[in-house]
Amino acid sequence: MNKSQYFLVGKIGKPHGTKGELRVSPYSDYPEISFAPGTVLRLGNREGRLPHSPIENIKVLTSRIFRNGLLVLFDDVFDRSMARSLTGKGLFLSADEVAELQKGEYFWHDLVGMEVVDLREDLLGEVSAVYELAPLDLLEVSGPESSFMIPCSREIVVSVDVEGKRIVLDPPEGLLDL
C-alpha cells in the first residue's frame, strides 16, 4: 500500500467514560465525513505517520461533537482500557474517501515545499511547515537567511497556486523582520 494515498484526519486523545469512547481532535474541515459512522480509518503512530507494518483498520461506530473536538466510538473498542491503548495515535483516511476540494481550497500538505514570493516577485523562501492554530494557521517559511512565520490570512496570503507550487504574499511592514 502506498502511504501517500492516506491523509491524517485526526489524533486520538484520552478516553471518555467507561465504554470505550475516545476524544478525537479532527484535522479535517469536514469531520462529519471523515468520522461518519461506518467510515474505516487507519491507525498511525504517535508521531502522526503511518507505520511500516501492515496498516491496522479501525471502523467508526458513532461520533458526536464534544467541546473542541469529537467523541468517537470505534468498532472492537469495548472499554476504557482498550481505549487508553489508542491514546495519541493518528487517524488516517484513504484518499479515495476524502471530500472533494472546492475551488480555491487545498490541503495543508500541498503547501510544504512551495516557493514563497512577495508582490514584487522577490523570493522569500519556501514553506517548510504548516501549523494549525487558533485564531489563524501559520506558514513557516525558510528563507535564504532565516525562517519566519506568516499568518494565513487573506490580507497577507494573496494567492496560492498549487499546480505552479507558488505562494504570493503581501506582508505588512515589519512582519518579515520579526
Protein backbone atom coordinates (compact mmCIF):
# COMPACT_ATOMS: atom_id res chain seq x y z
CA MET A 1 0.00 0.00 0.00
CA ASN A 2 1.25 3.44 -0.90
CA LYS A 3 1.31 5.59 2.23
CA SER A 4 0.80 8.76 0.20
CA GLN A 5 -2.72 7.52 -0.52
CA TYR A 6 -3.74 8.42 3.06
CA PHE A 7 -4.41 11.73 4.79
CA LEU A 8 -4.05 12.41 8.51
CA VAL A 9 -7.58 13.45 9.57
CA GLY A 10 -7.30 13.36 13.35
CA LYS A 11 -5.49 12.37 16.51
CA ILE A 12 -6.88 10.23 19.30
CA GLY A 13 -6.97 11.82 22.74
CA LYS A 14 -7.98 10.49 26.15
CA PRO A 15 -10.77 8.01 26.80
CA HIS A 16 -14.15 9.42 27.80
CA GLY A 17 -16.26 7.35 30.13
CA THR A 18 -16.03 3.60 30.66
CA LYS A 19 -17.49 2.17 27.42
CA GLY A 20 -14.55 2.83 25.07
CA GLU A 21 -15.46 6.25 23.72
CA LEU A 22 -12.45 8.43 22.80
CA ARG A 23 -11.83 12.13 22.43
CA VAL A 24 -10.59 12.92 18.93
CA SER A 25 -9.05 16.13 17.62
CA PRO A 26 -10.14 16.34 13.99
CA TYR A 27 -7.63 17.72 11.45
CA SER A 28 -10.28 17.95 8.76
CA ASP A 29 -12.57 20.76 7.69
CA TYR A 30 -15.17 18.03 7.11
CA PRO A 31 -15.22 15.90 10.30
CA GLU A 32 -18.83 14.91 9.56
CA ILE A 33 -17.47 12.98 6.54
CA SER A 34 -14.14 11.77 7.97
CA PHE A 35 -15.77 10.45 11.16
CA ALA A 36 -19.17 9.37 9.86
CA PRO A 37 -20.47 6.04 11.21
CA GLY A 38 -19.15 3.21 9.05
CA THR A 39 -16.01 5.08 7.94
CA VAL A 40 -12.90 2.90 8.03
CA LEU A 41 -9.81 4.75 9.25
CA ARG A 42 -6.20 3.59 9.52
CA LEU A 43 -4.27 3.86 12.77
CA GLY A 44 -0.97 5.68 12.65
CA ASN A 45 1.73 6.09 15.23
CA ARG A 46 2.02 8.81 17.86
CA GLU A 47 4.19 10.95 15.53
CA GLY A 48 1.31 11.19 13.06
CA ARG A 49 2.77 8.83 10.44
CA LEU A 50 1.58 5.54 9.08
CA PRO A 51 3.65 2.65 10.43
CA HIS A 52 5.87 0.50 8.20
CA SER A 53 3.98 -2.62 9.26
CA PRO A 54 0.63 -3.61 7.75
CA ILE A 55 -1.96 -0.91 8.30
CA GLU A 56 -4.43 -1.53 11.09
CA ASN A 57 -8.01 -0.56 10.25
CA ILE A 58 -10.50 0.83 12.73
CA LYS A 59 -14.18 1.46 11.99
CA VAL A 60 -16.21 4.39 13.34
CA LEU A 61 -19.42 3.28 15.09
CA THR A 62 -20.59 6.67 16.35
CA SER A 63 -19.25 10.20 16.59
CA ARG A 64 -20.55 13.40 18.13
CA ILE A 65 -19.31 16.91 18.75
CA PHE A 66 -17.73 17.41 22.18
CA ARG A 67 -16.04 20.62 23.33
CA ASN A 68 -13.31 21.44 20.76
CA GLY A 69 -13.43 18.08 19.04
CA LEU A 70 -15.36 14.85 18.83
CA LEU A 71 -16.24 11.84 20.93
CA VAL A 72 -15.85 8.73 18.79
CA LEU A 73 -16.73 5.11 19.49
CA PHE A 74 -14.82 2.62 17.35
CA ASP A 75 -15.70 -0.97 16.49
CA ASP A 76 -13.91 -3.51 18.74
CA VAL A 77 -13.11 -0.91 21.44
CA PHE A 78 -15.28 -2.04 24.32
CA ASP A 79 -13.88 -0.43 27.46
CA ARG A 80 -11.70 2.28 28.90
CA SER A 81 -8.50 0.22 28.99
CA MET A 82 -8.81 -0.70 25.30
CA ALA A 83 -9.47 2.96 24.51
CA ARG A 84 -6.47 4.07 26.57
CA SER A 85 -4.17 1.88 24.41
CA LEU A 86 -5.11 4.02 21.38
CA THR A 87 -4.43 7.40 23.01
CA GLY A 88 -2.08 9.55 20.94
CA LYS A 89 -2.39 7.61 17.70
CA GLY A 90 -3.03 9.30 14.37
CA LEU A 91 -6.13 8.54 12.30
CA PHE A 92 -5.76 8.33 8.52
CA LEU A 93 -8.39 8.30 5.80
CA SER A 94 -7.92 6.83 2.35
CA ALA A 95 -7.51 9.49 -0.35
CA ASP A 96 -10.44 7.85 -2.18
CA GLU A 97 -12.73 8.79 0.71
CA VAL A 98 -11.56 12.38 1.28
CA ALA A 99 -14.14 15.05 0.40
CA GLU A 100 -13.67 16.78 -2.94
CA LEU A 101 -11.95 20.14 -2.62
CA GLN A 102 -13.89 23.22 -3.63
CA LYS A 103 -12.38 25.84 -5.91
CA GLY A 104 -9.68 27.74 -4.03
CA GLU A 105 -9.25 25.01 -1.38
CA TYR A 106 -6.11 22.96 -0.91
CA PHE A 107 -4.57 20.51 1.53
CA TRP A 108 -2.03 21.86 4.01
CA HIS A 109 0.48 19.21 2.96
CA ASP A 110 0.32 20.60 -0.61
CA LEU A 111 1.83 23.87 0.66
CA VAL A 112 5.01 22.34 2.08
CA GLY A 113 7.86 22.89 -0.37
CA MET A 114 6.11 25.71 -2.26
CA GLU A 115 8.11 28.77 -3.28
CA VAL A 116 7.07 31.95 -1.44
CA VAL A 117 7.42 35.37 -3.10
CA ASP A 118 6.22 38.90 -2.34
CA LEU A 119 4.21 41.16 -4.65
CA ARG A 120 7.44 42.34 -6.35
CA GLU A 121 8.27 38.67 -7.13
CA ASP A 122 11.22 38.72 -4.68
CA LEU A 123 11.92 35.20 -3.40
CA LEU A 124 11.26 34.97 0.36
CA GLY A 125 11.87 31.23 0.75
CA GLU A 126 9.82 28.07 0.75
CA VAL A 127 7.16 26.67 3.06
CA SER A 128 8.78 24.23 5.48
CA ALA A 129 5.77 23.58 7.73
CA VAL A 130 2.15 24.50 8.38
CA TYR A 131 0.81 24.92 11.92
CA GLU A 132 -2.91 24.69 12.62
CA LEU A 133 -3.52 27.19 15.40
CA ALA A 134 -6.32 29.43 16.59
CA PRO A 135 -7.27 32.03 15.52
CA LEU A 136 -5.05 31.75 12.41
CA ASP A 137 -2.97 28.97 10.94
CA LEU A 138 0.71 29.76 10.33
CA LEU A 139 3.10 29.02 7.49
CA GLU A 140 6.74 28.54 8.42
CA VAL A 141 8.85 29.91 5.60
CA SER A 142 12.54 29.02 5.41
CA GLY A 143 14.41 31.76 3.57
CA PRO A 144 18.00 32.10 2.46
CA GLU A 145 18.94 33.98 5.63
CA SER A 146 16.32 32.99 8.21
CA SER A 147 12.98 31.36 8.89
CA PHE A 148 9.81 33.26 9.73
CA MET A 149 6.14 32.63 10.42
CA ILE A 150 3.35 34.01 8.24
CA PRO A 151 -0.29 34.15 9.39
CA CYS A 152 -2.62 32.52 6.84
CA SER A 153 -4.99 35.43 6.29
CA ARG A 154 -6.47 36.69 3.03
CA GLU A 155 -4.83 40.07 3.63
CA ILE A 156 -1.33 38.54 3.71
CA VAL A 157 -1.59 35.37 1.55
CA VAL A 158 -2.65 36.93 -1.75
CA SER A 159 -2.61 33.78 -3.89
CA VAL A 160 -1.83 30.08 -3.73
CA ASP A 161 -1.01 28.32 -7.00
CA VAL A 162 -0.95 24.61 -6.14
CA GLU A 163 -0.05 23.49 -9.67
CA GLY A 164 2.67 26.14 -10.03
CA LYS A 165 3.87 25.44 -6.45
CA ARG A 166 3.94 29.15 -5.62
CA ILE A 167 2.51 31.41 -2.90
CA VAL A 168 2.37 35.19 -3.23
CA LEU A 169 2.40 37.27 -0.03
CA ASP A 170 1.65 40.89 0.76
CA PRO A 171 3.23 41.09 4.22
CA PRO A 172 2.58 44.22 6.31
CA GLU A 173 5.54 46.46 7.08
CA GLY A 174 7.90 44.83 9.59
CA LEU A 175 6.34 41.33 9.59
CA LEU A 176 9.36 39.71 7.96
CA ASP A 177 11.72 41.48 10.39
CA LEU A 178 10.33 39.74 13.49
